[in-house]
Amino acid sequence: MLTSSNSSQKRRLRVRNRIGKRNNGQRAKISVFRSNKNISAQLIDVSGKVLHSFSSALIDKAELKNVGGIGIAKLVGSKFGKICVDNGVLEVVFDRGSYKYAGRVKAVAESCREVGLKF
């Protein structure tokens, strides 16, 4: 029987292998991490070097007042997307890791698309 940690690790590896096969090493990757308190995104180069990152912990507390989890994820996605577009990265691959494409992860992806990133 698989424990939840083993199954999530297998899922994470399966998703990343699929991304690697489809990408052919041409585009940078956006990797999303979510915890109970924060959500963060990283722009990772083809070689594996982290170029940029942004987290909900970096947002001012006044902006987060009366905003729920999905609202915070939308803020993170839009600000992170602006950072990527300002630095000339327009085409990326979205790596959701072991998370389902729903809720906060989906909100980050959609708000990055609204800013101008192409997945």
PDB file of N, CA and C in Angstrom:
ATOM      1  N   MET A   1       0.843  -1.180   0.000  1.00  0.00           N
ATOM      2  CA  MET A   1       0.000   0.000   0.000  1.00  0.00           C
ATOM      3  C   MET A   1       0.888   1.242   0.000  1.00  0.00           C
ATOM      4  N   LEU A   2       0.548   2.206  -0.826  1.00  0.00           N
ATOM      5  CA  LEU A   2       1.310   3.439  -0.915  1.00  0.00           C
ATOM      6  C   LEU A   2       0.853   4.419   0.155  1.00  0.00           C
ATOM      7  N   THR A   3       1.794   5.065   0.766  1.00  0.00           N
ATOM      8  CA  THR A   3       1.440   6.138   1.677  1.00  0.00           C
ATOM      9  C   THR A   3       1.220   7.390   0.856  1.00  0.00           C
ATOM     10  N   SER A   4       0.666   8.407   1.466  1.00  0.00           N
ATOM     11  CA  SER A   4       0.370   9.630   0.723  1.00  0.00           C
ATOM     12  C   SER A   4       1.650  10.314   0.257  1.00  0.00           C
ATOM     13  N   SER A   5       2.732  10.215   1.024  1.00  0.00           N
ATOM     14  CA  SER A   5       3.974  10.858   0.605  1.00  0.00           C
ATOM     15  C   SER A   5       4.575  10.147  -0.598  1.00  0.00           C
ATOM     16  N   ASN A   6       4.505   8.822  -0.626  1.00  0.00           N
ATOM     17  CA  ASN A   6       5.026   8.096  -1.776  1.00  0.00           C
ATOM     18  C   ASN A   6       4.208   8.364  -3.021  1.00  0.00           C
ATOM     19  N   SER A   7       2.905   8.377  -2.897  1.00  0.00           N
ATOM     20  CA  SER A   7       2.060   8.591  -4.072  1.00  0.00           C
ATOM     21  C   SER A   7       2.214  10.012  -4.602  1.00  0.00           C
ATOM     22  N   SER A   8       2.369  11.004  -3.714  1.00  0.00           N
ATOM     23  CA  SER A   8       2.556  12.375  -4.192  1.00  0.00           C
ATOM     24  C   SER A   8       3.920  12.542  -4.851  1.00  0.00           C
ATOM     25  N   GLN A   9       4.935  11.857  -4.345  1.00  0.00           N
ATOM     26  CA  GLN A   9       6.247  11.916  -4.991  1.00  0.00           C
ATOM     27  C   GLN A   9       6.201  11.275  -6.367  1.00  0.00           C
ATOM     28  N   LYS A  10       5.501  10.155  -6.490  1.00  0.00           N
ATOM     29  CA  LYS A  10       5.370   9.512  -7.795  1.00  0.00           C
ATOM     30  C   LYS A  10       4.611  10.403  -8.769  1.00  0.00           C
ATOM     31  N   ARG A  11       3.567  11.046  -8.273  1.00  0.00           N
ATOM     32  CA  ARG A  11       2.797  11.938  -9.136  1.00  0.00           C
ATOM     33  C   ARG A  11       3.643  13.118  -9.587  1.00  0.00           C
ATOM     34  N   ARG A  12       4.418  13.704  -8.682  1.00  0.00           N
ATOM     35  CA  ARG A  12       5.282  14.831  -9.009  1.00  0.00           C
ATOM     36  C   ARG A  12       6.286  14.439 -10.090  1.00  0.00           C
ATOM     37  N   LEU A  13       6.904  13.285  -9.933  1.00  0.00           N
ATOM     38  CA  LEU A  13       7.867  12.818 -10.928  1.00  0.00           C
ATOM     39  C   LEU A  13       7.200  12.539 -12.265  1.00  0.00           C
ATOM     40  N   ARG A  14       6.016  11.975 -12.231  1.00  0.00           N
ATOM     41  CA  ARG A  14       5.298  11.673 -13.461  1.00  0.00           C
ATOM     42  C   ARG A  14       4.957  12.959 -14.224  1.00  0.00           C
ATOM     43  N   VAL A  15       4.500  13.983 -13.514  1.00  0.00           N
ATOM     44  CA  VAL A  15       4.165  15.252 -14.152  1.00  0.00           C
ATOM     45  C   VAL A  15       5.419  15.911 -14.711  1.00  0.00           C
ATOM     46  N   ARG A  16       6.500  15.903 -13.974  1.00  0.00           N
ATOM     47  CA  ARG A  16       7.723  16.553 -14.445  1.00  0.00           C
ATOM     48  C   ARG A  16       8.350  15.815 -15.619  1.00  0.00           C
ATOM     49  N   ASN A  17       8.267  14.499 -15.635  1.00  0.00           N
ATOM     50  CA  ASN A  17       8.765  13.748 -16.778  1.00  0.00           C
ATOM     51  C   ASN A  17       7.945  14.060 -18.022  1.00  0.00           C
ATOM     52  N   ARG A  18       6.639  14.168 -17.871  1.00  0.00           N
ATOM     53  CA  ARG A  18       5.775  14.508 -18.997  1.00  0.00           C
ATOM     54  C   ARG A  18       6.105  15.896 -19.533  1.00  0.00           C
ATOM     55  N   ILE A  19       6.371  16.836 -18.640  1.00  0.00           N
ATOM     56  CA  ILE A  19       6.739  18.190 -19.061  1.00  0.00           C
ATOM     57  C   ILE A  19       8.060  18.165 -19.815  1.00  0.00           C
ATOM     58  N   GLY A  20       9.020  17.399 -19.318  1.00  0.00           N
ATOM     59  CA  GLY A  20      10.322  17.320 -19.972  1.00  0.00           C
ATOM     60  C   GLY A  20      10.247  16.734 -21.364  1.00  0.00           C
ATOM     61  N   LYS A  21       9.400  15.745 -21.564  1.00  0.00           N
ATOM     62  CA  LYS A  21       9.256  15.136 -22.880  1.00  0.00           C
ATOM     63  C   LYS A  21       8.597  16.080 -23.871  1.00  0.00           C
ATOM     64  N   ARG A  22       7.607  16.815 -23.425  1.00  0.00           N
ATOM     65  CA  ARG A  22       6.894  17.731 -24.319  1.00  0.00           C
ATOM     66  C   ARG A  22       7.667  19.013 -24.581  1.00  0.00           C
ATOM     67  N   ASN A  23       8.487  19.426 -23.647  1.00  0.00           N
ATOM     68  CA  ASN A  23       9.181  20.709 -23.751  1.00  0.00           C
ATOM     69  C   ASN A  23      10.389  20.633 -24.673  1.00  0.00           C
ATOM     70  N   ASN A  24      11.086  19.538 -24.712  1.00  0.00           N
ATOM     71  CA  ASN A  24      12.314  19.378 -25.494  1.00  0.00           C
ATOM     72  C   ASN A  24      13.395  20.373 -25.109  1.00  0.00           C
ATOM     73  N   GLY A  25      13.345  20.886 -23.893  1.00  0.00           N
ATOM     74  CA  GLY A  25      14.402  21.758 -23.381  1.00  0.00           C
ATOM     75  C   GLY A  25      14.490  23.110 -24.047  1.00  0.00           C
ATOM     76  N   GLN A  26      13.367  23.657 -24.481  1.00  0.00           N
ATOM     77  CA  GLN A  26      13.398  24.923 -25.194  1.00  0.00           C
ATOM     78  C   GLN A  26      12.855  26.097 -24.383  1.00  0.00           C
ATOM     79  N   ARG A  27      11.927  25.835 -23.488  1.00  0.00           N
ATOM     80  CA  ARG A  27      11.284  26.919 -22.748  1.00  0.00           C
ATOM     81  C   ARG A  27      11.585  26.817 -21.258  1.00  0.00           C
ATOM     82  N   ALA A  28      11.497  27.955 -20.605  1.00  0.00           N
ATOM     83  CA  ALA A  28      11.660  27.980 -19.153  1.00  0.00           C
ATOM     84  C   ALA A  28      10.416  27.381 -18.508  1.00  0.00           C
ATOM     85  N   LYS A  29      10.501  27.075 -17.225  1.00  0.00           N
ATOM     86  CA  LYS A  29       9.438  26.391 -16.509  1.00  0.00           C
ATOM     87  C   LYS A  29       9.004  27.227 -15.313  1.00  0.00           C
ATOM     88  N   ILE A  30       7.698  27.316 -15.103  1.00  0.00           N
ATOM     89  CA  ILE A  30       7.150  27.938 -13.900  1.00  0.00           C
ATOM     90  C   ILE A  30       6.742  26.811 -12.968  1.00  0.00           C
ATOM     91  N   SER A  31       7.353  26.768 -11.798  1.00  0.00           N
ATOM     92  CA  SER A  31       7.045  25.753 -10.806  1.00  0.00           C
ATOM     93  C   SER A  31       6.275  26.404  -9.664  1.00  0.00           C
ATOM     94  N   VAL A  32       5.169  25.771  -9.270  1.00  0.00           N
ATOM     95  CA  VAL A  32       4.305  26.319  -8.226  1.00  0.00           C
ATOM     96  C   VAL A  32       4.410  25.454  -6.982  1.00  0.00           C
ATOM     97  N   PHE A  33       4.485  26.114  -5.824  1.00  0.00           N
ATOM     98  CA  PHE A  33       4.474  25.428  -4.543  1.00  0.00           C
ATOM     99  C   PHE A  33       3.416  26.092  -3.682  1.00  0.00           C
ATOM    100  N   ARG A  34       2.608  25.277  -3.053  1.00  0.00           N
ATOM    101  CA  ARG A  34       1.610  25.841  -2.146  1.00  0.00           C
ATOM    102  C   ARG A  34       1.700  25.154  -0.788  1.00  0.00           C
ATOM    103  N   SER A  35       1.515  25.954   0.240  1.00  0.00           N
ATOM    104  CA  SER A  35       1.431  25.428   1.592  1.00  0.00           C
ATOM    105  C   SER A  35       0.112  25.910   2.178  1.00  0.00           C
ATOM    106  N   ASN A  36      -0.110  25.649   3.439  1.00  0.00           N
ATOM    107  CA  ASN A  36      -1.358  26.097   4.058  1.00  0.00           C
ATOM    108  C   ASN A  36      -1.420  27.612   4.193  1.00  0.00           C
ATOM    109  N   LYS A  37      -0.268  28.257   4.346  1.00  0.00           N
ATOM    110  CA  LYS A  37      -0.240  29.698   4.560  1.00  0.00           C
ATOM    111  C   LYS A  37       0.105  30.494   3.305  1.00  0.00           C
ATOM    112  N   ASN A  38       1.014  30.001   2.482  1.00  0.00           N
ATOM    113  CA  ASN A  38       1.542  30.770   1.356  1.00  0.00           C
ATOM    114  C   ASN A  38       1.473  29.973   0.069  1.00  0.00           C
ATOM    115  N   ILE A  39       1.658  30.696  -1.030  1.00  0.00           N
ATOM    116  CA  ILE A  39       1.813  30.082  -2.342  1.00  0.00           C
ATOM    117  C   ILE A  39       2.940  30.821  -3.046  1.00  0.00           C
ATOM    118  N   SER A  40       3.795  30.078  -3.719  1.00  0.00           N
ATOM    119  CA  SER A  40       4.934  30.703  -4.375  1.00  0.00           C
ATOM    120  C   SER A  40       5.117  30.131  -5.766  1.00  0.00           C
ATOM    121  N   ALA A  41       5.798  30.901  -6.608  1.00  0.00           N
ATOM    122  CA  ALA A  41       6.080  30.484  -7.973  1.00  0.00           C
ATOM    123  C   ALA A  41       7.537  30.806  -8.281  1.00  0.00           C
ATOM    124  N   GLN A  42       8.163  29.936  -9.061  1.00  0.00           N
ATOM    125  CA  GLN A  42       9.556  30.124  -9.458  1.00  0.00           C
ATOM    126  C   GLN A  42       9.662  29.980 -10.964  1.00  0.00           C
ATOM    127  N   LEU A  43      10.510  30.800 -11.574  1.00  0.00           N
ATOM    128  CA  LEU A  43      10.839  30.664 -12.979  1.00  0.00           C
ATOM    129  C   LEU A  43      12.178  29.959 -13.051  1.00  0.00           C
ATOM    130  N   ILE A  44      12.176  28.763 -13.639  1.00  0.00           N
ATOM    131  CA  ILE A  44      13.366  27.922 -13.673  1.00  0.00           C
ATOM    132  C   ILE A  44      13.835  27.811 -15.116  1.00  0.00           C
ATOM    133  N   ASP A  45      15.122  28.073 -15.335  1.00  0.00           N
ATOM    134  CA  ASP A  45      15.722  27.998 -16.662  1.00  0.00           C
ATOM    135  C   ASP A  45      15.815  26.551 -17.113  1.00  0.00           C
ATOM    136  N   VAL A  46      16.151  26.356 -18.380  1.00  0.00           N
ATOM    137  CA  VAL A  46      16.276  25.010 -18.945  1.00  0.00           C
ATOM    138  C   VAL A  46      17.367  24.218 -18.225  1.00  0.00           C
ATOM    139  N   SER A  47      18.407  24.899 -17.782  1.00  0.00           N
ATOM    140  CA  SER A  47      19.504  24.228 -17.095  1.00  0.00           C
ATOM    141  C   SER A  47      19.193  23.912 -15.634  1.00  0.00           C
ATOM    142  N   GLY A  48      18.073  24.411 -15.110  1.00  0.00           N
ATOM    143  CA  GLY A  48      17.692  24.138 -13.730  1.00  0.00           C
ATOM    144  C   GLY A  48      17.984  25.275 -12.777  1.00  0.00           C
ATOM    145  N   LYS A  49      18.448  26.402 -13.283  1.00  0.00           N
ATOM    146  CA  LYS A  49      18.768  27.560 -12.457  1.00  0.00           C
ATOM    147  C   LYS A  49      17.506  28.400 -12.234  1.00  0.00           C
ATOM    148  N   VAL A  50      17.269  28.815 -10.987  1.00  0.00           N
ATOM    149  CA  VAL A  50      16.112  29.646 -10.660  1.00  0.00           C
ATOM    150  C   VAL A  50      16.425  31.080 -11.071  1.00  0.00           C
ATOM    151  N   LEU A  51      15.630  31.594 -12.003  1.00  0.00           N
ATOM    152  CA  LEU A  51      15.843  32.955 -12.485  1.00  0.00           C
ATOM    153  C   LEU A  51      15.113  33.985 -11.640  1.00  0.00           C
ATOM    154  N   HIS A  52      13.835  33.718 -11.341  1.00  0.00           N
ATOM    155  CA  HIS A  52      13.023  34.633 -10.551  1.00  0.00           C
ATOM    156  C   HIS A  52      12.083  33.827  -9.680  1.00  0.00           C
ATOM    157  N   SER A  53      11.674  34.432  -8.582  1.00  0.00           N
ATOM    158  CA  SER A  53      10.688  33.796  -7.717  1.00  0.00           C
ATOM    159  C   SER A  53       9.836  34.870  -7.060  1.00  0.00           C
ATOM    160  N   PHE A  54       8.637  34.463  -6.667  1.00  0.00           N
ATOM    161  CA  PHE A  54       7.736  35.374  -5.970  1.00  0.00           C
ATOM    162  C   PHE A  54       6.839  34.551  -5.064  1.00  0.00           C
ATOM    163  N   SER A  55       6.509  35.099  -3.909  1.00  0.00           N
ATOM    164  CA  SER A  55       5.707  34.381  -2.930  1.00  0.00           C
ATOM    165  C   SER A  55       4.675  35.315  -2.318  1.00  0.00           C
ATOM    166  N   SER A  56       3.631  34.737  -1.780  1.00  0.00           N
ATOM    167  CA  SER A  56       2.624  35.537  -1.100  1.00  0.00           C
ATOM    168  C   SER A  56       3.167  36.131   0.194  1.00  0.00           C
ATOM    169  N   ALA A  57       4.266  35.601   0.689  1.00  0.00           N
ATOM    170  CA  ALA A  57       4.882  36.166   1.892  1.00  0.00           C
ATOM    171  C   ALA A  57       5.512  37.528   1.600  1.00  0.00           C
ATOM    172  N   LEU A  58       5.767  37.831   0.324  1.00  0.00           N
ATOM    173  CA  LEU A  58       6.377  39.106  -0.053  1.00  0.00           C
ATOM    174  C   LEU A  58       5.351  40.209  -0.280  1.00  0.00           C
ATOM    175  N   ILE A  59       4.078  39.870  -0.309  1.00  0.00           N
ATOM    176  CA  ILE A  59       3.027  40.857  -0.542  1.00  0.00           C
ATOM    177  C   ILE A  59       2.721  41.568   0.769  1.00  0.00           C
ATOM    178  N   ASP A  60       2.472  42.869   0.670  1.00  0.00           N
ATOM    179  CA  ASP A  60       2.166  43.680   1.846  1.00  0.00           C
ATOM    180  C   ASP A  60       0.872  43.199   2.492  1.00  0.00           C
ATOM    181  N   LYS A  61       0.845  43.169   3.805  1.00  0.00           N
ATOM    182  CA  LYS A  61      -0.306  42.660   4.549  1.00  0.00           C
ATOM    183  C   LYS A  61      -1.559  43.503   4.308  1.00  0.00           C
ATOM    184  N   ALA A  62      -1.402  44.781   3.982  1.00  0.00           N
ATOM    185  CA  ALA A  62      -2.570  45.624   3.725  1.00  0.00           C
ATOM    186  C   ALA A  62      -3.287  45.187   2.455  1.00  0.00           C
ATOM    187  N   GLU A  63      -2.553  44.689   1.453  1.00  0.00           N
ATOM    188  CA  GLU A  63      -3.176  44.208   0.218  1.00  0.00           C
ATOM    189  C   GLU A  63      -3.931  42.904   0.441  1.00  0.00           C
ATOM    190  N   LEU A  64      -3.502  42.116   1.420  1.00  0.00           N
ATOM    191  CA  LEU A  64      -4.088  40.810   1.663  1.00  0.00           C
ATOM    192  C   LEU A  64      -5.299  40.845   2.582  1.00  0.00           C
ATOM    193  N   LYS A  65      -5.638  42.021   3.086  1.00  0.00           N
ATOM    194  CA  LYS A  65      -6.743  42.123   4.020  1.00  0.00           C
ATOM    195  C   LYS A  65      -8.059  41.830   3.296  1.00  0.00           C
ATOM    196  N   ASN A  66      -8.879  40.963   3.876  1.00  0.00           N
ATOM    197  CA  ASN A  66     -10.175  40.558   3.341  1.00  0.00           C
ATOM    198  C   ASN A  66     -10.086  39.885   1.975  1.00  0.00           C
ATOM    199  N   VAL A  67      -8.972  39.199   1.703  1.00  0.00           N
ATOM    200  CA  VAL A  67      -8.804  38.448   0.462  1.00  0.00           C
ATOM    201  C   VAL A  67      -8.576  36.994   0.838  1.00  0.00           C
ATOM    202  N   GLY A  68      -9.292  36.090   0.174  1.00  0.00           N
ATOM    203  CA  GLY A  68      -9.168  34.667   0.475  1.00  0.00           C
ATOM    204  C   GLY A  68      -7.984  34.039  -0.231  1.00  0.00           C
ATOM    205  N   GLY A  69      -7.880  32.736  -0.167  1.00  0.00           N
ATOM    206  CA  GLY A  69      -6.750  32.012  -0.722  1.00  0.00           C
ATOM    207  C   GLY A  69      -6.628  32.140  -2.223  1.00  0.00           C
ATOM    208  N   ILE A  70      -7.745  32.046  -2.944  1.00  0.00           N
ATOM    209  CA  ILE A  70      -7.695  32.159  -4.395  1.00  0.00           C
ATOM    210  C   ILE A  70      -7.372  33.591  -4.799  1.00  0.00           C
ATOM    211  N   GLY A  71      -7.854  34.563  -4.069  1.00  0.00           N
ATOM    212  CA  GLY A  71      -7.518  35.962  -4.344  1.00  0.00           C
ATOM    213  C   GLY A  71      -6.027  36.236  -4.159  1.00  0.00           C
ATOM    214  N   ILE A  72      -5.452  35.643  -3.124  1.00  0.00           N
ATOM    215  CA  ILE A  72      -4.010  35.780  -2.900  1.00  0.00           C
ATOM    216  C   ILE A  72      -3.242  35.114  -4.032  1.00  0.00           C
ATOM    217  N   ALA A  73      -3.712  33.960  -4.483  1.00  0.00           N
ATOM    218  CA  ALA A  73      -3.040  33.266  -5.585  1.00  0.00           C
ATOM    219  C   ALA A  73      -3.111  34.081  -6.871  1.00  0.00           C
ATOM    220  N   LYS A  74      -4.224  34.775  -7.101  1.00  0.00           N
ATOM    221  CA  LYS A  74      -4.327  35.638  -8.279  1.00  0.00           C
ATOM    222  C   LYS A  74      -3.340  36.794  -8.200  1.00  0.00           C
ATOM    223  N   LEU A  75      -3.179  37.366  -7.009  1.00  0.00           N
ATOM    224  CA  LEU A  75      -2.192  38.437  -6.830  1.00  0.00           C
ATOM    225  C   LEU A  75      -0.778  37.936  -7.103  1.00  0.00           C
ATOM    226  N   VAL A  76      -0.457  36.766  -6.574  1.00  0.00           N
ATOM    227  CA  VAL A  76       0.871  36.187  -6.784  1.00  0.00           C
ATOM    228  C   VAL A  76       1.103  35.942  -8.270  1.00  0.00           C
ATOM    229  N   GLY A  77       0.114  35.384  -8.952  1.00  0.00           N
ATOM    230  CA  GLY A  77       0.257  35.098 -10.373  1.00  0.00           C
ATOM    231  C   GLY A  77       0.436  36.339 -11.211  1.00  0.00           C
ATOM    232  N   SER A  78      -0.325  37.380 -10.919  1.00  0.00           N
ATOM    233  CA  SER A  78      -0.207  38.604 -11.717  1.00  0.00           C
ATOM    234  C   SER A  78       1.118  39.313 -11.478  1.00  0.00           C
ATOM    235  N   LYS A  79       1.546  39.389 -10.231  1.00  0.00           N
ATOM    236  CA  LYS A  79       2.827  40.053  -9.944  1.00  0.00           C
ATOM    237  C   LYS A  79       4.004  39.240 -10.475  1.00  0.00           C
ATOM    238  N   PHE A  80       3.923  37.920 -10.349  1.00  0.00           N
ATOM    239  CA  PHE A  80       4.986  37.070 -10.875  1.00  0.00           C
ATOM    240  C   PHE A  80       5.014  37.120 -12.401  1.00  0.00           C
ATOM    241  N   GLY A  81       3.842  37.142 -13.020  1.00  0.00           N
ATOM    242  CA  GLY A  81       3.772  37.243 -14.470  1.00  0.00           C
ATOM    243  C   GLY A  81       4.368  38.543 -14.982  1.00  0.00           C
ATOM    244  N   LYS A  82       4.118  39.647 -14.277  1.00  0.00           N
ATOM    245  CA  LYS A  82       4.698  40.934 -14.669  1.00  0.00           C
ATOM    246  C   LYS A  82       6.221  40.893 -14.572  1.00  0.00           C
ATOM    247  N   ILE A  83       6.742  40.232 -13.546  1.00  0.00           N
ATOM    248  CA  ILE A  83       8.196  40.099 -13.404  1.00  0.00           C
ATOM    249  C   ILE A  83       8.771  39.340 -14.589  1.00  0.00           C
ATOM    250  N   CYS A  84       8.111  38.254 -14.975  1.00  0.00           N
ATOM    251  CA  CYS A  84       8.595  37.442 -16.098  1.00  0.00           C
ATOM    252  C   CYS A  84       8.535  38.212 -17.412  1.00  0.00           C
ATOM    253  N   VAL A  85       7.412  38.902 -17.662  1.00  0.00           N
ATOM    254  CA  VAL A  85       7.258  39.647 -18.912  1.00  0.00           C
ATOM    255  C   VAL A  85       8.252  40.800 -18.969  1.00  0.00           C
ATOM    256  N   ASP A  86       8.483  41.475 -17.853  1.00  0.00           N
ATOM    257  CA  ASP A  86       9.448  42.582 -17.821  1.00  0.00           C
ATOM    258  C   ASP A  86      10.863  42.109 -18.116  1.00  0.00           C
ATOM    259  N   ASN A  87      11.159  40.866 -17.803  1.00  0.00           N
ATOM    260  CA  ASN A  87      12.496  40.325 -18.063  1.00  0.00           C
ATOM    261  C   ASN A  87      12.588  39.585 -19.390  1.00  0.00           C
ATOM    262  N   GLY A  88      11.560  39.678 -20.228  1.00  0.00           N
ATOM    263  CA  GLY A  88      11.626  39.147 -21.577  1.00  0.00           C
ATOM    264  C   GLY A  88      11.254  37.688 -21.742  1.00  0.00           C
ATOM    265  N   VAL A  89      10.680  37.072 -20.719  1.00  0.00           N
ATOM    266  CA  VAL A  89      10.250  35.675 -20.821  1.00  0.00           C
ATOM    267  C   VAL A  89       8.762  35.680 -21.146  1.00  0.00           C
ATOM    268  N   LEU A  90       8.399  35.179 -22.336  1.00  0.00           N
ATOM    269  CA  LEU A  90       7.001  35.188 -22.747  1.00  0.00           C
ATOM    270  C   LEU A  90       6.411  33.792 -22.889  1.00  0.00           C
ATOM    271  N   GLU A  91       7.217  32.801 -23.258  1.00  0.00           N
ATOM    272  CA  GLU A  91       6.724  31.440 -23.422  1.00  0.00           C
ATOM    273  C   GLU A  91       7.348  30.545 -22.360  1.00  0.00           C
ATOM    274  N   VAL A  92       6.498  29.885 -21.605  1.00  0.00           N
ATOM    275  CA  VAL A  92       6.941  29.036 -20.498  1.00  0.00           C
ATOM    276  C   VAL A  92       6.158  27.733 -20.492  1.00  0.00           C
ATOM    277  N   VAL A  93       6.576  26.823 -19.649  1.00  0.00           N
ATOM    278  CA  VAL A  93       5.859  25.582 -19.366  1.00  0.00           C
ATOM    279  C   VAL A  93       5.430  25.644 -17.909  1.00  0.00           C
ATOM    280  N   PHE A  94       4.185  25.270 -17.637  1.00  0.00           N
ATOM    281  CA  PHE A  94       3.647  25.340 -16.279  1.00  0.00           C
ATOM    282  C   PHE A  94       3.812  23.996 -15.594  1.00  0.00           C
ATOM    283  N   ASP A  95       4.555  23.974 -14.494  1.00  0.00           N
ATOM    284  CA  ASP A  95       4.784  22.761 -13.712  1.00  0.00           C
ATOM    285  C   ASP A  95       3.984  22.873 -12.420  1.00  0.00           C
ATOM    286  N   ARG A  96       2.915  22.105 -12.324  1.00  0.00           N
ATOM    287  CA  ARG A  96       2.064  22.151 -11.139  1.00  0.00           C
ATOM    288  C   ARG A  96       2.539  21.200 -10.063  1.00  0.00           C
ATOM    289  N   GLY A  97       3.547  20.390 -10.354  1.00  0.00           N
ATOM    290  CA  GLY A  97       4.059  19.437  -9.385  1.00  0.00           C
ATOM    291  C   GLY A  97       3.061  18.344  -9.104  1.00  0.00           C
ATOM    292  N   SER A  98       2.851  18.035  -7.856  1.00  0.00           N
ATOM    293  CA  SER A  98       1.910  16.969  -7.501  1.00  0.00           C
ATOM    294  C   SER A  98       0.515  17.510  -7.217  1.00  0.00           C
ATOM    295  N   TYR A  99       0.298  18.812  -7.464  1.00  0.00           N
ATOM    296  CA  TYR A  99      -0.993  19.420  -7.165  1.00  0.00           C
ATOM    297  C   TYR A  99      -1.935  19.290  -8.354  1.00  0.00           C
ATOM    298  N   LYS A 100      -3.204  19.149  -8.076  1.00  0.00           N
ATOM    299  CA  LYS A 100      -4.204  19.144  -9.127  1.00  0.00           C
ATOM    300  C   LYS A 100      -4.359  20.551  -9.683  1.00  0.00           C
ATOM    301  N   TYR A 101      -4.745  20.631 -10.953  1.00  0.00           N
ATOM    302  CA  TYR A 101      -4.938  21.928 -11.589  1.00  0.00           C
ATOM    303  C   TYR A 101      -6.322  22.449 -11.200  1.00  0.00           C
ATOM    304  N   ALA A 102      -6.419  22.945  -9.998  1.00  0.00           N
ATOM    305  CA  ALA A 102      -7.679  23.469  -9.474  1.00  0.00           C
ATOM    306  C   ALA A 102      -7.354  24.442  -8.349  1.00  0.00           C
ATOM    307  N   GLY A 103      -8.299  25.281  -8.016  1.00  0.00           N
ATOM    308  CA  GLY A 103      -8.151  26.179  -6.873  1.00  0.00           C
ATOM    309  C   GLY A 103      -7.036  27.184  -7.030  1.00  0.00           C
ATOM    310  N   ARG A 104      -6.155  27.217  -6.046  1.00  0.00           N
ATOM    311  CA  ARG A 104      -5.087  28.218  -6.023  1.00  0.00           C
ATOM    312  C   ARG A 104      -4.081  28.031  -7.138  1.00  0.00           C
ATOM    313  N   VAL A 105      -3.776  26.793  -7.498  1.00  0.00           N
ATOM    314  CA  VAL A 105      -2.817  26.529  -8.575  1.00  0.00           C
ATOM    315  C   VAL A 105      -3.387  27.033  -9.899  1.00  0.00           C
ATOM    316  N   LYS A 106      -4.647  26.790 -10.139  1.00  0.00           N
ATOM    317  CA  LYS A 106      -5.308  27.263 -11.358  1.00  0.00           C
ATOM    318  C   LYS A 106      -5.369  28.787 -11.379  1.00  0.00           C
ATOM    319  N   ALA A 107      -5.602  29.417 -10.239  1.00  0.00           N
ATOM    320  CA  ALA A 107      -5.672  30.874 -10.157  1.00  0.00           C
ATOM    321  C   ALA A 107      -4.331  31.507 -10.507  1.00  0.00           C
ATOM    322  N   VAL A 108      -3.234  30.895 -10.057  1.00  0.00           N
ATOM    323  CA  VAL A 108      -1.900  31.404 -10.406  1.00  0.00           C
ATOM    324  C   VAL A 108      -1.685  31.314 -11.910  1.00  0.00           C
ATOM    325  N   ALA A 109      -2.034  30.177 -12.499  1.00  0.00           N
ATOM    326  CA  ALA A 109      -1.826  29.974 -13.932  1.00  0.00           C
ATOM    327  C   ALA A 109      -2.664  30.943 -14.765  1.00  0.00           C
ATOM    328  N   GLU A 110      -3.919  31.109 -14.421  1.00  0.00           N
ATOM    329  CA  GLU A 110      -4.791  31.988 -15.200  1.00  0.00           C
ATOM    330  C   GLU A 110      -4.381  33.446 -15.095  1.00  0.00           C
ATOM    331  N   SER A 111      -3.944  33.878 -13.924  1.00  0.00           N
ATOM    332  CA  SER A 111      -3.526  35.273 -13.789  1.00  0.00           C
ATOM    333  C   SER A 111      -2.191  35.521 -14.485  1.00  0.00           C
ATOM    334  N   CYS A 112      -1.336  34.508 -14.578  1.00  0.00           N
ATOM    335  CA  CYS A 112      -0.105  34.654 -15.374  1.00  0.00           C
ATOM    336  C   CYS A 112      -0.440  34.780 -16.859  1.00  0.00           C
ATOM    337  N   ARG A 113      -1.437  34.030 -17.306  1.00  0.00           N
ATOM    338  CA  ARG A 113      -1.867  34.125 -18.703  1.00  0.00           C
ATOM    339  C   ARG A 113      -2.457  35.498 -19.016  1.00  0.00           C
ATOM    340  N   GLU A 114      -3.201  36.067 -18.066  1.00  0.00           N
ATOM    341  CA  GLU A 114      -3.809  37.377 -18.275  1.00  0.00           C
ATOM    342  C   GLU A 114      -2.751  38.466 -18.451  1.00  0.00           C
ATOM    343  N   VAL A 115      -1.618  38.307 -17.802  1.00  0.00           N
ATOM    344  CA  VAL A 115      -0.552  39.304 -17.897  1.00  0.00           C
ATOM    345  C   VAL A 115       0.158  39.233 -19.247  1.00  0.00           C
ATOM    346  N   GLY A 116       0.191  38.035 -19.850  1.00  0.00           N
ATOM    347  CA  GLY A 116       0.813  37.916 -21.165  1.00  0.00           C
ATOM    348  C   GLY A 116       1.706  36.717 -21.348  1.00  0.00           C
ATOM    349  N   LEU A 117       1.833  35.863 -20.338  1.00  0.00           N
ATOM    350  CA  LEU A 117       2.631  34.656 -20.505  1.00  0.00           C
ATOM    351  C   LEU A 117       1.859  33.619 -21.325  1.00  0.00           C
ATOM    352  N   LYS A 118       2.575  32.871 -22.133  1.00  0.00           N
ATOM    353  CA  LYS A 118       1.949  31.839 -22.950  1.00  0.00           C
ATOM    354  C   LYS A 118       2.439  30.490 -22.476  1.00  0.00           C
ATOM    355  N   PHE A 119       1.516  29.581 -22.175  1.00  0.00           N
ATOM    356  CA  PHE A 119       1.839  28.235 -21.746  1.00  0.00           C
ATOM    357  C   PHE A 119       1.664  27.314 -22.927  1.00  0.00           C
TER     358      PHE A 119
END
